[in-house]
Protein backbone atom coordinates (compact mmCIF):
# COMPACT_ATOMS: atom_id res chain seq x y z
CA MET A 1 0.00 0.00 0.00
CA THR A 2 1.34 3.40 -1.00
CA GLU A 3 0.06 6.65 0.52
CA ASN A 4 -0.27 9.83 -1.56
CA ARG A 5 -1.79 13.30 -1.34
CA CYS A 6 -3.39 15.64 -3.86
CA ASP A 7 -5.75 18.59 -4.08
CA VAL A 8 -8.26 16.96 -6.43
CA LEU A 9 -8.68 13.33 -7.42
CA VAL A 10 -10.62 12.68 -10.63
CA ILE A 11 -12.21 9.29 -11.27
CA GLY A 12 -12.32 8.45 -14.98
CA GLY A 13 -10.31 9.61 -17.98
CA GLY A 14 -13.12 10.27 -20.46
CA PRO A 15 -14.14 13.73 -21.78
CA ALA A 16 -15.40 15.04 -18.43
CA GLY A 17 -12.52 13.73 -16.34
CA SER A 18 -9.77 14.76 -18.74
CA THR A 19 -11.30 18.21 -19.23
CA ILE A 20 -11.62 19.10 -15.55
CA SER A 21 -8.15 17.68 -14.85
CA ALA A 22 -6.58 19.85 -17.55
CA LEU A 23 -8.39 22.98 -16.36
CA LEU A 24 -7.48 22.54 -12.68
CA ALA A 25 -3.88 21.49 -13.34
CA GLN A 26 -3.40 24.50 -15.60
CA ARG A 27 -4.50 26.67 -12.66
CA GLY A 28 -1.81 25.18 -10.47
CA ARG A 29 -3.81 22.50 -8.64
CA ASP A 30 -2.26 19.15 -7.76
CA VAL A 31 -4.59 16.87 -9.73
CA VAL A 32 -4.57 13.08 -9.94
CA LEU A 33 -6.55 11.53 -12.81
CA LEU A 34 -7.22 7.80 -12.50
CA GLU A 35 -8.46 5.80 -15.52
CA LYS A 36 -9.28 2.12 -15.11
CA SER A 37 -8.47 1.25 -18.76
CA ARG A 38 -5.68 2.27 -21.10
CA HIS A 39 -6.03 4.63 -24.04
CA PRO A 40 -6.96 4.18 -26.78
CA ARG A 41 -10.05 2.22 -25.72
CA PHE A 42 -13.38 1.77 -27.51
CA HIS A 43 -16.29 3.98 -26.55
CA ILE A 44 -19.59 4.77 -28.21
CA GLY A 45 -20.86 8.33 -28.67
CA GLU A 46 -18.94 9.51 -31.74
CA SER A 47 -21.07 12.52 -32.68
CA LEU A 48 -20.25 15.97 -31.27
CA LEU A 49 -22.17 19.27 -31.19
CA PRO A 50 -21.09 22.66 -32.58
CA LEU A 51 -20.86 24.18 -29.10
CA ASN A 52 -18.10 21.68 -28.32
CA MET A 53 -15.87 23.73 -30.64
CA PRO A 54 -15.20 26.71 -28.32
CA LEU A 55 -14.47 24.25 -25.50
CA PHE A 56 -11.77 22.63 -27.66
CA GLU A 57 -10.27 26.06 -28.28
CA ARG A 58 -10.16 26.82 -24.57
CA LEU A 59 -8.49 23.48 -23.88
CA GLY A 60 -5.95 24.00 -26.67
CA VAL A 61 -6.86 20.81 -28.56
CA ALA A 62 -8.85 22.21 -31.51
CA GLY A 63 -6.15 21.37 -34.06
CA GLU A 64 -5.82 17.78 -32.90
CA ILE A 65 -9.59 17.25 -32.98
CA GLU A 66 -9.70 18.67 -36.51
CA ARG A 67 -7.02 16.17 -37.56
CA ILE A 68 -9.10 13.13 -36.52
CA GLY A 69 -12.59 14.52 -37.17
CA MET A 70 -15.14 14.12 -39.92
CA PRO A 71 -16.83 17.51 -40.51
CA LYS A 72 -20.49 17.50 -39.52
CA TYR A 73 -22.53 20.46 -40.80
CA GLY A 74 -25.99 19.33 -39.78
CA ALA A 75 -28.37 16.43 -39.54
CA GLU A 76 -30.72 14.39 -41.71
CA PHE A 77 -34.07 13.16 -40.40
CA VAL A 78 -35.67 10.19 -42.14
CA SER A 79 -39.12 8.90 -41.22
CA GLN A 80 -41.01 5.99 -42.73
CA TRP A 81 -44.20 7.97 -42.11
CA HIS A 82 -43.07 10.87 -44.32
CA ASP A 83 -42.43 11.09 -48.05
CA ARG A 84 -38.91 12.53 -48.05
CA PRO A 85 -36.00 13.15 -45.67
CA VAL A 86 -35.33 16.54 -44.11
CA HIS A 87 -31.89 18.16 -43.85
CA VAL A 88 -31.05 20.85 -41.30
CA ASP A 89 -27.85 22.93 -41.19
CA PHE A 90 -26.25 24.31 -38.03
CA ALA A 91 -25.37 27.43 -40.03
CA ASN A 92 -29.06 28.38 -39.84
CA ALA A 93 -29.15 28.39 -36.03
CA TRP A 94 -29.88 31.57 -34.09
CA ASP A 95 -26.17 32.28 -33.69
CA ARG A 96 -24.43 31.38 -36.94
CA SER A 97 -20.96 31.46 -35.40
CA PHE A 98 -20.85 27.67 -34.96
CA PRO A 99 -21.79 26.18 -38.35
CA PHE A 100 -20.17 22.76 -37.92
CA THR A 101 -18.59 20.21 -35.61
CA TYR A 102 -17.07 16.74 -36.00
CA GLN A 103 -17.78 13.04 -35.90
CA VAL A 104 -14.89 11.31 -34.11
CA ARG A 105 -13.67 7.89 -33.14
CA ARG A 106 -13.95 8.11 -29.40
CA SER A 107 -10.83 6.01 -28.87
CA GLU A 108 -8.77 8.74 -30.59
CA PHE A 109 -10.77 11.65 -29.20
CA ASP A 110 -10.60 10.51 -25.58
CA GLN A 111 -6.87 9.82 -25.88
CA ILE A 112 -6.25 13.38 -27.10
CA LEU A 113 -8.09 14.84 -24.11
CA PHE A 114 -6.37 12.48 -21.66
CA ARG A 115 -2.90 13.35 -22.95
CA ASN A 116 -3.80 17.03 -22.86
CA ALA A 117 -4.59 16.72 -19.15
CA ALA A 118 -1.15 15.20 -18.58
CA LEU A 119 0.52 17.92 -20.63
CA LYS A 120 -1.23 20.56 -18.54
CA GLY A 121 0.28 19.03 -15.39
CA ALA A 122 -2.23 16.47 -14.11
CA ARG A 123 -0.83 13.19 -12.82
CA ALA A 124 -2.70 11.02 -15.32
CA ILE A 125 -2.54 7.33 -14.41
CA GLU A 126 -3.96 4.57 -16.61
CA GLY A 127 -4.77 1.00 -15.62
CA CYS A 128 -5.74 2.11 -12.12
CA ARG A 129 -9.24 1.32 -10.86
CA VAL A 130 -10.78 3.19 -7.94
CA THR A 131 -12.15 0.71 -5.40
CA GLY A 132 -13.54 2.95 -2.68
CA VAL A 133 -13.98 6.52 -1.44
CA ASP A 134 -14.30 7.37 2.27
CA PHE A 135 -15.29 10.95 2.94
CA HIS A 136 -14.31 12.97 5.99
CA PRO A 137 -14.81 16.67 6.85
CA ASP A 138 -11.59 17.80 5.18
CA GLY A 139 -11.82 15.71 2.01
CA ALA A 140 -11.70 12.01 1.18
CA VAL A 141 -9.53 8.93 1.22
CA VAL A 142 -9.60 7.26 -2.19
CA SER A 143 -8.49 3.65 -2.55
CA ALA A 144 -7.35 2.31 -5.92
CA ARG A 145 -5.77 -0.80 -7.40
CA GLN A 146 -3.34 -0.89 -10.31
CA GLU A 147 -3.25 -3.63 -12.95
CA ASP A 148 -0.28 -5.28 -11.22
CA GLY A 149 -2.26 -5.51 -7.97
CA LEU A 150 -0.51 -2.65 -6.20
CA GLU A 151 -2.89 -0.93 -3.80
CA GLN A 152 -2.80 2.86 -3.53
CA ARG A 153 -4.46 5.32 -1.19
CA TRP A 154 -4.89 9.01 -1.93
CA GLN A 155 -5.68 11.75 0.57
CA ALA A 156 -7.65 14.23 -1.56
CA ARG A 157 -9.24 17.53 -0.60
CA PHE A 158 -11.89 17.08 -3.30
CA VAL A 159 -13.16 14.26 -5.55
CA ALA A 160 -14.61 14.69 -9.05
CA ASP A 161 -16.45 11.60 -10.28
CA ALA A 162 -16.25 11.34 -14.07
CA SER A 163 -16.65 7.57 -14.18
CA GLY A 164 -19.36 7.75 -16.84
CA ARG A 165 -21.95 5.00 -16.83
CA ASP A 166 -20.00 3.20 -14.13
CA THR A 167 -21.50 5.89 -11.84
CA PHE A 168 -18.96 5.05 -9.14
CA LEU A 169 -19.95 7.51 -6.42
CA ALA A 170 -23.68 7.46 -7.16
CA THR A 171 -23.61 3.67 -6.80
CA GLN A 172 -21.44 3.69 -3.68
CA LEU A 173 -23.61 6.35 -2.03
CA GLY A 174 -26.85 4.62 -3.07
CA ILE A 175 -28.21 7.69 -4.85
CA LYS A 176 -28.48 6.32 -8.40
CA GLN A 177 -32.06 5.94 -9.64
CA ARG A 178 -33.54 4.67 -12.87
CA ASN A 179 -35.10 7.45 -14.88
CA ARG A 180 -38.83 7.35 -14.20
CA LYS A 181 -39.69 9.26 -17.36
CA HIS A 182 -37.68 7.41 -19.98
CA ASN A 183 -36.13 4.07 -20.72
CA SER A 184 -34.40 2.59 -23.73
CA ALA A 185 -31.75 0.12 -24.83
CA ALA A 186 -29.20 0.18 -27.63
CA LEU A 187 -27.56 -2.16 -30.12
CA PHE A 188 -24.67 -0.94 -32.29
CA GLY A 189 -21.72 -1.78 -34.51
CA HIS A 190 -19.45 -0.36 -37.23
CA PHE A 191 -19.92 -0.93 -40.98
CA SER A 192 -17.77 -0.35 -44.05
CA GLY A 193 -19.20 0.49 -47.45
CA ALA A 194 -22.28 2.36 -46.19
CA ARG A 195 -23.74 4.81 -48.69
CA ARG A 196 -23.29 8.28 -47.29
CA LEU A 197 -24.78 11.65 -48.14
CA PRO A 198 -23.16 13.33 -51.16
CA GLY A 199 -20.50 16.02 -51.23
CA ARG A 200 -20.01 18.49 -48.41
CA ILE A 201 -22.60 16.91 -46.13
CA GLU A 202 -21.04 13.43 -46.27
CA GLY A 203 -20.25 13.62 -42.56
CA ASN A 204 -23.71 14.69 -41.39
CA ILE A 205 -25.46 12.46 -38.90
CA SER A 206 -28.65 10.74 -40.05
CA LEU A 207 -31.52 9.76 -37.76
CA PHE A 208 -33.94 7.10 -39.01
CA TRP A 209 -37.24 6.52 -37.23
CA PHE A 210 -38.84 3.10 -37.45
CA GLU A 211 -41.56 1.18 -35.64
CA HIS A 212 -39.55 0.16 -32.58
CA GLY A 213 -37.35 3.22 -32.08
CA TRP A 214 -34.70 5.06 -34.07
CA PHE A 215 -31.29 4.48 -35.68
CA TRP A 216 -28.18 6.62 -35.75
CA PHE A 217 -25.95 6.74 -38.85
CA ILE A 218 -22.59 8.39 -38.04
CA PRO A 219 -19.89 8.56 -40.76
CA LEU A 220 -16.28 8.49 -39.50
CA SER A 221 -13.23 9.88 -41.25
CA ASP A 222 -11.56 6.47 -41.76
CA GLY A 223 -14.44 5.17 -43.90
CA ALA A 224 -16.29 3.31 -41.16
CA THR A 225 -19.87 4.21 -40.27
CA SER A 226 -21.31 3.78 -36.79
CA ILE A 227 -24.82 2.32 -36.88
CA GLY A 228 -26.91 1.94 -33.76
CA ALA A 229 -30.52 1.14 -32.90
CA VAL A 230 -32.15 2.65 -29.82
CA CYS A 231 -35.32 0.78 -28.94
CA SER A 232 -37.62 -0.02 -26.07
CA PRO A 233 -36.47 -2.75 -23.66
CA HIS A 234 -39.63 -4.66 -24.62
CA TYR A 235 -38.38 -4.95 -28.20
CA MET A 236 -34.85 -5.84 -27.09
CA LYS A 237 -36.18 -8.65 -24.91
CA SER A 238 -37.77 -10.21 -28.00
CA ARG A 239 -34.28 -11.13 -29.27
CA LYS A 240 -33.87 -14.85 -30.04
CA THR A 241 -30.57 -14.62 -31.96
CA ASP A 242 -27.06 -13.38 -31.22
CA PRO A 243 -26.56 -9.57 -31.13
CA ARG A 244 -25.00 -9.49 -34.60
CA GLN A 245 -27.95 -11.14 -36.29
CA PHE A 246 -30.44 -9.19 -34.21
CA LEU A 247 -28.90 -5.90 -35.34
CA LEU A 248 -29.06 -7.00 -38.99
CA ASP A 249 -32.67 -8.13 -38.55
CA THR A 250 -33.56 -4.83 -36.90
CA ILE A 251 -31.95 -2.85 -39.75
CA ALA A 252 -34.13 -4.82 -42.19
CA LEU A 253 -37.20 -3.32 -40.44
CA CYS A 254 -36.13 0.15 -41.63
CA PRO A 255 -36.11 0.06 -45.46
CA ALA A 256 -34.49 3.49 -45.89
CA LEU A 257 -31.51 2.50 -43.72
CA ALA A 258 -31.34 -1.00 -45.19
CA GLU A 259 -30.96 0.56 -48.65
CA ARG A 260 -28.06 2.72 -47.45
CA LEU A 261 -26.38 -0.42 -46.08
CA ARG A 262 -27.18 -2.70 -49.01
CA ASP A 263 -23.51 -3.00 -50.04
CA ALA A 264 -22.06 -2.53 -46.54
CA SER A 265 -20.27 -5.05 -44.33
CA LEU A 266 -20.25 -5.29 -40.56
CA ILE A 267 -16.62 -4.85 -39.45
CA SER A 268 -16.89 -4.83 -35.67
CA PRO A 269 -18.47 -6.86 -32.90
CA VAL A 270 -22.05 -5.85 -32.08
CA THR A 271 -22.62 -4.48 -28.61
CA ALA A 272 -25.94 -4.42 -26.76
CA THR A 273 -26.69 -2.25 -23.74
CA GLY A 274 -29.94 -2.25 -21.81
CA ASN A 275 -32.01 -0.10 -19.51
CA TYR A 276 -29.51 2.72 -19.28
CA SER A 277 -31.55 5.84 -18.47
CA TYR A 278 -30.77 7.02 -14.94
CA MET A 279 -30.10 10.01 -12.70
CA ALA A 280 -28.48 10.47 -9.29
CA GLU A 281 -30.48 12.12 -6.51
CA HIS A 282 -28.00 14.99 -6.34
CA SER A 283 -25.00 16.14 -8.36
CA SER A 284 -22.66 17.19 -5.55
CA GLY A 285 -21.75 16.97 -1.90
CA ARG A 286 -19.45 18.79 0.49
CA ASN A 287 -16.30 17.32 -1.06
CA TYR A 288 -17.38 15.89 -4.41
CA LEU A 289 -19.00 16.53 -7.79
CA LEU A 290 -20.66 14.14 -10.26
CA LEU A 291 -19.78 15.09 -13.83
CA GLY A 292 -21.52 14.14 -17.08
CA ASP A 293 -22.78 10.58 -17.24
CA ALA A 294 -21.61 9.94 -13.66
CA PHE A 295 -24.62 12.06 -12.68
CA ALA A 296 -27.22 11.21 -15.32
CA PHE A 297 -27.77 9.77 -18.78
CA VAL A 298 -31.01 9.79 -20.74
CA ASP A 299 -30.66 8.93 -24.44
CA PRO A 300 -28.12 9.58 -27.23
CA VAL A 301 -30.65 10.82 -29.77
CA PHE A 302 -29.33 14.40 -30.01
CA SER A 303 -25.63 13.60 -29.46
CA THR A 304 -25.54 15.49 -26.16
CA GLY A 305 -23.26 13.19 -24.15
CA VAL A 306 -19.81 14.71 -24.79
CA MET A 307 -21.19 18.26 -24.79
CA LEU A 308 -22.86 17.90 -21.39
CA ALA A 309 -19.83 16.09 -19.96
CA MET A 310 -17.37 18.79 -21.01
CA GLN A 311 -19.71 21.62 -20.03
CA SER A 312 -20.10 20.13 -16.55
CA ALA A 313 -16.31 19.91 -16.31
CA PHE A 314 -15.84 23.60 -17.12
CA VAL A 315 -18.44 24.65 -14.55
CA GLY A 316 -17.11 22.02 -12.16
CA ALA A 317 -13.55 23.39 -12.30
CA ASP A 318 -14.80 26.82 -11.18
CA THR A 319 -16.90 25.16 -8.49
CA ILE A 320 -13.98 23.21 -7.04
CA GLU A 321 -11.81 26.34 -7.04
CA SER A 322 -14.45 28.15 -5.00
CA CYS A 323 -14.86 25.27 -2.56
CA LEU A 324 -11.12 24.95 -1.94
CA ASP A 325 -10.16 28.64 -1.84
CA ARG A 326 -13.32 30.30 -0.54
CA PRO A 327 -15.19 27.85 1.73
CA ARG A 328 -17.81 30.45 2.63
CA GLU A 329 -18.85 30.52 -1.04
CA ALA A 330 -18.93 26.72 -1.36
CA ARG A 331 -22.67 26.29 -0.85
CA ARG A 332 -23.50 28.90 -3.48
CA ALA A 333 -20.96 27.44 -5.92
CA LEU A 334 -22.38 23.94 -5.52
CA LYS A 335 -25.90 25.25 -6.13
CA THR A 336 -24.71 27.00 -9.28
CA PHE A 337 -23.10 23.79 -10.50
CA ASP A 338 -26.26 21.79 -9.81
CA ALA A 339 -28.46 24.36 -11.56
CA SER A 340 -26.25 24.33 -14.66
CA THR A 341 -26.16 20.53 -14.77
CA ARG A 342 -29.91 20.19 -14.41
CA HIS A 343 -30.60 22.97 -16.91
CA GLY A 344 -28.81 21.05 -19.66
CA LEU A 345 -30.55 17.79 -18.85
CA ARG A 346 -33.96 19.41 -18.52
CA THR A 347 -33.69 21.26 -21.84
CA PHE A 348 -32.66 18.22 -23.87
CA SER A 349 -34.87 15.77 -21.96
CA TRP A 350 -38.07 17.49 -23.02
CA PHE A 351 -37.24 16.59 -26.62
CA ILE A 352 -35.80 13.16 -25.78
CA TYR A 353 -38.91 12.05 -23.89
CA ARG A 354 -41.05 12.89 -26.92
CA VAL A 355 -38.82 11.91 -29.82
CA MET A 356 -40.96 8.87 -30.66
CA THR A 357 -44.27 10.76 -30.59
CA PRO A 358 -46.06 11.52 -33.88
CA ALA A 359 -46.39 15.20 -32.91
CA LEU A 360 -42.66 15.87 -32.42
CA ARG A 361 -41.75 13.77 -35.42
CA HIS A 362 -44.14 15.85 -37.51
CA LEU A 363 -42.58 19.13 -36.33
CA LEU A 364 -39.03 17.96 -36.98
CA MET A 365 -39.98 16.64 -40.41
CA ASN A 366 -41.76 19.90 -41.30
CA PRO A 367 -39.46 22.71 -40.07
CA THR A 368 -40.84 26.23 -40.27
CA GLN A 369 -39.33 29.72 -40.26
CA ARG A 370 -42.47 31.17 -38.65
CA PHE A 371 -41.69 32.95 -35.39
CA ARG A 372 -38.05 31.94 -36.08
CA LEU A 373 -38.79 28.50 -34.67
CA GLN A 374 -36.27 26.64 -36.83
CA PRO A 375 -33.27 28.76 -35.75
CA ALA A 376 -34.31 28.29 -32.12
CA ILE A 377 -34.59 24.51 -32.41
CA LEU A 378 -31.31 24.34 -34.34
CA SER A 379 -29.66 26.25 -31.48
CA VAL A 380 -30.81 23.55 -29.06
CA LEU A 381 -29.62 20.79 -31.39
CA ALA A 382 -26.27 22.59 -31.64
CA GLY A 383 -25.94 22.63 -27.85
CA ASP A 384 -26.31 26.42 -27.54
CA ILE A 385 -28.25 26.40 -24.28
CA PHE A 386 -25.70 27.69 -21.75
CA ARG A 387 -24.76 31.10 -23.21
CA GLY A 388 -28.03 32.97 -22.79
CA THR A 389 -28.93 32.84 -26.49
CA PRO A 390 -32.48 34.32 -26.59
CA VAL A 391 -34.44 31.31 -27.78
CA GLY A 392 -36.57 30.70 -24.68
CA LEU A 393 -39.77 32.31 -26.00
CA ARG A 394 -39.48 30.43 -29.31
CA LEU A 395 -39.09 27.15 -27.43
CA TRP A 396 -42.34 27.85 -25.61
CA VAL A 397 -44.04 28.52 -28.95
CA PHE A 398 -42.57 25.26 -30.30
CA LYS A 399 -43.88 23.35 -27.28
CA PHE A 400 -47.31 24.89 -27.77
CA ALA A 401 -47.24 23.73 -31.39
CA TYR A 402 -46.26 20.27 -30.17
CA TYR A 403 -49.22 20.01 -27.80
CA LEU A 404 -51.54 21.35 -30.49
CA ASN A 405 -50.31 18.67 -32.90
CA SER A 406 -50.75 16.06 -30.18
CA VAL A 407 -54.43 16.99 -29.96
CA ARG A 408 -54.80 16.88 -33.73
CA THR A 409 -53.32 13.37 -33.82
CA LEU A 410 -54.89 12.34 -30.52
CA ARG A 411 -55.30 8.65 -31.27
CA ARG A 412 -51.73 8.12 -32.45
CA SER A 413 -50.37 10.31 -29.65
CA LEU A 414 -52.20 8.24 -27.02
CA MET A 415 -50.82 5.04 -28.52
CA ALA A 416 -47.27 6.43 -28.36
CA TRP A 417 -47.83 7.56 -24.76
CA LYS A 418 -49.09 4.11 -23.76
CA GLN A 419 -46.11 2.40 -25.41
CA ARG A 420 -43.71 4.63 -23.52
CA LYS A 421 -45.47 4.04 -20.21
CA HIS A 422 -45.44 0.31 -20.91
CA ALA A 423 -41.68 0.34 -21.49
CA ILE A 424 -41.06 2.21 -18.22
CA ARG A 425 -43.45 -0.05 -16.29
CA ASP A 426 -41.76 -3.18 -17.66
CA THR A 427 -38.42 -1.95 -16.40
CA ARG A 428 -39.78 -1.16 -12.93
CA VAL A 429 -41.21 -4.66 -12.65
CA GLU A 430 -37.92 -6.17 -13.86
CA THR A 431 -35.98 -4.09 -11.32
CA THR A 432 -38.28 -5.12 -8.47
CA THR A 433 -38.05 -8.83 -9.21
CA THR A 434 -34.26 -9.02 -9.73
């Protein structure tokens, strides 16, 4: 057992953990960043948002991200209930300063951020798994185990949990809860030879709706295309074949996507994840923060994961500085952090909870310039929700239009509502009996 000390110990070397480590180390803090795996390692979530771009600039990694990225200028929506696809461009958002972003292989992307944290001065350690955190009034004792079995103990003044879906602290503290408003499961793999969009918009993400959920279609710069199906747990439990065949069978249920993959080949293992919508009861404590997915995860439909993770890290770095240097301001700083975290989740969740409803699908497939609704919605899809961009009134108008469309398509809307409630109820029963 080795004993060590630090100002801040960060659990997890993904986007949130690497970002907050770089920011704090650059400010002169003694930061230890522990990552259980070794980079590069596979991770899903390859699609970024335009408002990630200024964060890359502030971290000093914009050039490296450009080198590995596939330019993404907008999105394509494809619905089997509508005659033609719809294309939207980020350049038409309320603020046109962020007209594009990137699709990235997360193995390369995460490695860039992790190495940047080390370059900024963080003690970045790979192959080291945190096994326990014991809090005391002046900080915490963090226990960890390296790959060779060596046990380590760190005396830290503050802990930032960026463990992603491992939700280390939320699980240890017993504050992780399944999301009561949403539930879904995913199945995904990489393909070669997929037919992409033509010309400049080759790297745009495509979203395909079908009977049991939706698909993502994410082109990567090396020629591979990430394909994933997000469906209800009820549909996933109907699987009677191996994940590979089940993904291929599911793709066949969406003719528009199947056509784009007619000459494509599956080049990776297929991964299935289930029942992954959750939220912790609170995002912080006296000596800790929960960043990004370590606090909550809802659904990947609008590619919000990396954006919310990095945004929480930027706010979290300021929060930790206040807690360590100005204890009298700690309570206010923690409240500000919690409000920012919940604001992002709340804004995106309204759309996520309704993405399978006929009313929202109709609005997305029929964008309008009336009342400047399309620029407002594009701003949300671009991740522009933290800078005070004046789209709030337009979002209320959009929500009113949604509810009006729900009334107009009352029968179909009620069916969609019942299906969603059924999926959530199934999961609650499964949780109670296991």
